[in-house]
Protein backbone atom coordinates (compact mmCIF):
# COMPACT_ATOMS: atom_id res chain seq x y z
CA MET A 1 151.26 88.03 -150.17
CA LYS A 2 153.88 90.18 -148.49
CA GLU A 3 156.97 88.49 -147.10
CA ASN A 4 156.16 88.81 -143.38
CA SER A 5 152.37 89.04 -143.49
CA LYS A 6 149.96 86.25 -142.72
CA ILE A 7 148.15 84.33 -145.44
CA SER A 8 144.69 85.90 -145.70
CA VAL A 9 141.85 83.38 -145.78
CA VAL A 10 138.13 83.73 -146.49
CA LEU A 11 135.71 80.96 -145.46
CA ILE A 12 132.50 80.31 -147.39
CA GLU A 13 130.56 77.89 -145.18
CA ASP A 14 126.88 77.89 -144.21
CA ASP A 15 127.23 75.87 -140.98
CA GLU A 16 127.92 78.37 -138.19
CA THR A 17 129.62 75.83 -135.89
CA ILE A 18 132.01 74.67 -138.63
CA ARG A 19 132.64 78.25 -139.79
CA ASN A 20 133.42 79.44 -136.25
CA GLY A 21 135.53 76.35 -135.51
CA PHE A 22 137.68 76.74 -138.62
CA THR A 23 138.01 80.48 -138.04
CA TYR A 24 139.25 79.87 -134.51
CA LEU A 25 141.67 77.09 -135.52
CA ILE A 26 143.10 78.95 -138.52
CA ASN A 27 143.54 82.13 -136.47
CA GLN A 28 145.58 80.12 -133.93
CA SER A 29 148.14 79.47 -136.66
CA GLU A 30 151.19 81.70 -136.91
CA ARG A 31 150.99 81.94 -140.71
CA CYS A 32 147.27 82.23 -141.50
CA MET A 33 144.42 84.58 -140.64
CA VAL A 34 140.71 84.43 -141.48
CA MET A 35 139.85 87.92 -142.66
CA ASN A 36 136.20 87.28 -143.43
CA SER A 37 133.58 84.54 -143.74
CA TYR A 38 130.33 84.20 -145.61
CA ILE A 39 127.30 81.97 -145.10
CA SER A 40 126.44 81.76 -148.81
CA ALA A 41 128.04 81.90 -152.24
CA GLU A 42 125.78 84.83 -153.16
CA LYS A 43 127.11 86.98 -150.30
CA ALA A 44 130.68 85.94 -151.05
CA ILE A 45 130.43 86.65 -154.79
CA ALA A 46 129.03 90.12 -154.04
CA ASN A 47 131.68 91.05 -151.45
CA VAL A 48 134.79 88.86 -151.51
CA VAL A 49 136.52 90.96 -154.18
CA ASN A 50 136.92 93.66 -151.49
CA ASP A 51 138.63 91.14 -149.17
CA LYS A 52 141.27 90.19 -151.78
CA PRO A 53 142.12 86.93 -149.95
CA ASP A 54 145.11 84.75 -150.74
CA VAL A 55 143.03 81.59 -150.19
CA ILE A 56 139.31 80.79 -150.10
CA LEU A 57 138.00 77.70 -148.32
CA LEU A 58 134.79 76.91 -150.19
CA ASP A 59 132.11 74.47 -149.06
CA ILE A 60 130.42 72.50 -151.85
CA GLU A 61 126.94 72.08 -150.32
CA LEU A 62 125.85 75.67 -149.78
CA PRO A 63 122.23 76.84 -149.79
CA GLY A 64 121.29 78.64 -153.01
CA ILE A 65 124.25 78.73 -155.38
CA LYS A 66 126.32 75.60 -154.69
CA GLY A 67 130.07 75.87 -154.13
CA ILE A 68 130.92 74.19 -157.43
CA GLU A 69 128.67 76.65 -159.29
CA ALA A 70 130.24 79.60 -157.44
CA LEU A 71 133.79 78.44 -158.18
CA PRO A 72 134.13 79.88 -161.74
CA LYS A 73 132.54 83.16 -160.64
CA LEU A 74 134.97 83.48 -157.74
CA LYS A 75 137.93 82.62 -160.01
CA GLN A 76 136.79 85.22 -162.52
CA SER A 77 136.61 87.95 -159.84
CA LEU A 78 139.81 86.84 -158.09
CA PRO A 79 142.01 85.02 -160.64
CA ASN A 80 145.07 85.01 -158.34
CA THR A 81 143.22 83.63 -155.32
CA HIS A 82 143.62 79.93 -154.57
CA ILE A 83 140.36 78.12 -153.86
CA LEU A 84 140.38 74.97 -151.75
CA MET A 85 137.21 72.93 -151.70
CA LEU A 86 136.35 71.93 -148.15
CA THR A 87 133.52 69.46 -147.86
CA VAL A 88 132.09 66.29 -146.39
CA TYR A 89 131.09 65.19 -149.90
CA ASP A 90 134.16 63.55 -151.37
CA ASN A 91 132.41 61.78 -154.25
CA GLU A 92 134.18 61.38 -157.56
CA ALA A 93 131.92 63.66 -159.61
CA ASN A 94 132.32 66.57 -157.16
CA VAL A 95 136.10 66.18 -157.02
CA PHE A 96 136.63 66.11 -160.77
CA THR A 97 134.10 68.89 -161.42
CA ALA A 98 135.66 71.17 -158.79
CA LEU A 99 139.16 70.60 -160.16
CA SER A 100 138.05 71.20 -163.74
CA LYS A 101 136.46 74.51 -162.69
CA GLY A 102 139.68 75.82 -161.13
CA ALA A 103 139.91 74.52 -157.56
CA SER A 104 143.50 74.45 -156.34
CA GLY A 105 142.91 71.55 -153.97
CA TYR A 106 140.24 69.43 -152.36
CA LEU A 107 140.04 68.60 -148.67
CA THR A 108 137.41 66.94 -146.53
CA LYS A 109 136.04 68.56 -143.37
CA ASN A 110 137.24 65.64 -141.28
CA ASP A 111 140.86 66.51 -142.13
CA SER A 112 142.65 67.81 -139.04
CA ALA A 113 143.12 71.55 -138.45
CA ASP A 114 146.87 71.03 -138.93
CA LYS A 115 146.24 69.38 -142.31
CA ILE A 116 144.00 72.26 -143.43
CA ILE A 117 146.51 74.90 -142.31
CA GLU A 118 149.28 72.93 -144.01
CA ALA A 119 147.13 72.83 -147.18
CA ILE A 120 146.65 76.62 -147.08
CA GLN A 121 150.41 77.12 -146.77
CA GLU A 122 151.13 74.51 -149.44
CA VAL A 123 148.82 76.09 -152.02
CA MET A 124 150.51 79.46 -151.41
CA GLU A 125 153.87 77.81 -152.16
CA GLY A 126 152.59 76.50 -155.48
CA GLY A 127 151.49 73.08 -154.28
CA ALA A 128 148.19 71.27 -154.74
CA PRO A 129 146.84 69.86 -151.46
CA MET A 130 145.04 66.53 -151.54
CA SER A 131 143.52 64.63 -148.63
CA MET A 132 144.02 60.90 -148.14
CA ASN A 133 140.36 60.17 -149.07
CA ILE A 134 140.63 62.14 -152.29
CA ALA A 135 143.90 60.40 -153.23
CA LYS A 136 142.21 57.00 -152.74
CA MET A 137 139.34 58.10 -154.97
CA VAL A 138 141.69 59.29 -157.71
CA ILE A 139 143.63 56.01 -157.58
CA HIS A 140 140.38 54.06 -157.82
CA SER A 141 139.26 56.16 -160.78
CA PHE A 142 142.53 55.69 -162.62
CA HIS A 143 142.60 51.94 -161.88
CA LYS A 144 139.28 51.72 -163.73
CA ASN A 145 140.89 53.60 -166.64
CA GLN A 146 143.53 51.46 -168.36
CA ASN A 147 144.75 54.54 -170.27
CA SER A 148 145.71 56.42 -167.13
CA PRO A 149 147.57 59.65 -167.93
CA LEU A 150 149.65 59.31 -164.74
CA THR A 151 153.31 58.37 -164.91
CA LYS A 152 154.62 55.50 -162.82
CA ARG A 153 156.15 57.99 -160.34
CA GLU A 154 152.92 60.02 -160.06
CA THR A 155 150.97 56.83 -159.38
CA GLU A 156 153.54 55.82 -156.75
CA ILE A 157 153.24 59.21 -155.00
CA LEU A 158 149.44 59.16 -155.18
CA GLU A 159 149.40 55.72 -153.55
CA GLN A 160 151.60 57.02 -150.71
CA VAL A 161 149.24 60.00 -150.17
CA ALA A 162 146.29 57.59 -150.15
CA ASN A 163 148.06 55.60 -147.44
CA GLY A 164 148.22 58.73 -145.30
CA MET A 165 151.91 59.42 -145.75
CA SER A 166 153.04 63.06 -145.50
CA ARG A 167 154.82 64.71 -148.39
CA SER A 168 158.11 64.87 -146.48
CA LYS A 169 157.93 61.14 -145.67
CA ILE A 170 157.15 60.38 -149.32
CA ALA A 171 160.21 62.40 -150.35
CA LYS A 172 162.43 60.45 -147.95
CA LYS A 173 160.98 57.08 -148.91
CA LEU A 174 161.36 57.71 -152.65
CA PHE A 175 164.72 59.51 -152.31
CA ILE A 176 163.44 62.68 -153.96
CA ASP A 177 163.19 66.33 -152.96
CA LEU A 178 160.06 67.61 -151.17
CA GLU A 179 159.52 70.15 -153.97
CA THR A 180 159.55 67.26 -156.48
CA VAL A 181 156.76 65.53 -154.52
CA LYS A 182 154.72 68.76 -154.52
CA SER A 183 155.35 69.18 -158.24
CA HIS A 184 154.15 65.62 -158.96
CA ILE A 185 150.95 66.21 -156.96
CA LYS A 186 150.31 69.42 -158.87
CA ASN A 187 150.81 67.49 -162.15
CA ILE A 188 148.32 64.86 -160.96
CA TYR A 189 145.73 67.58 -160.40
CA SER A 190 146.33 69.13 -163.81
CA LYS A 191 145.91 65.70 -165.46
CA LEU A 192 142.58 65.27 -163.69
């Protein structure tokens, strides 16, 4: 991404109302711009390489090839593009599968427009966006696993995200730098 240009975004979403709504909201942002959208993974896989987006927002439940199945194909075609899963289905299997196949973050469609735009910006800055619902799920999963790979600090940060606290508030509360919070969240994703 060039210094003064907007973050280019491609949406892959079959629901026209959601696709149009997100396009409108993202285009209202000063830093992001939807350059294209696709109603299916098949159309995206065939054409998205020409768009060369910075970020792809990918729905999981697409007709035909599902978003999770399309994820490795998209990453192969566009290895430097960040892919954020955007879905109503925040079940554990989907989250862990998407992350293991190269998703850079996982958000639910009921996240606010501001949260989604913030996530797009965060992933471009090297962060790993995570919604409150996903953080709760990860905590629950690791509580079941007594051999959790998370450090005490990572667990502490994850719990704050699950409680709906912003990254900047977490940094203030824990007396650490905002970049440190982002780094911990990225480490949590890589451990997943």
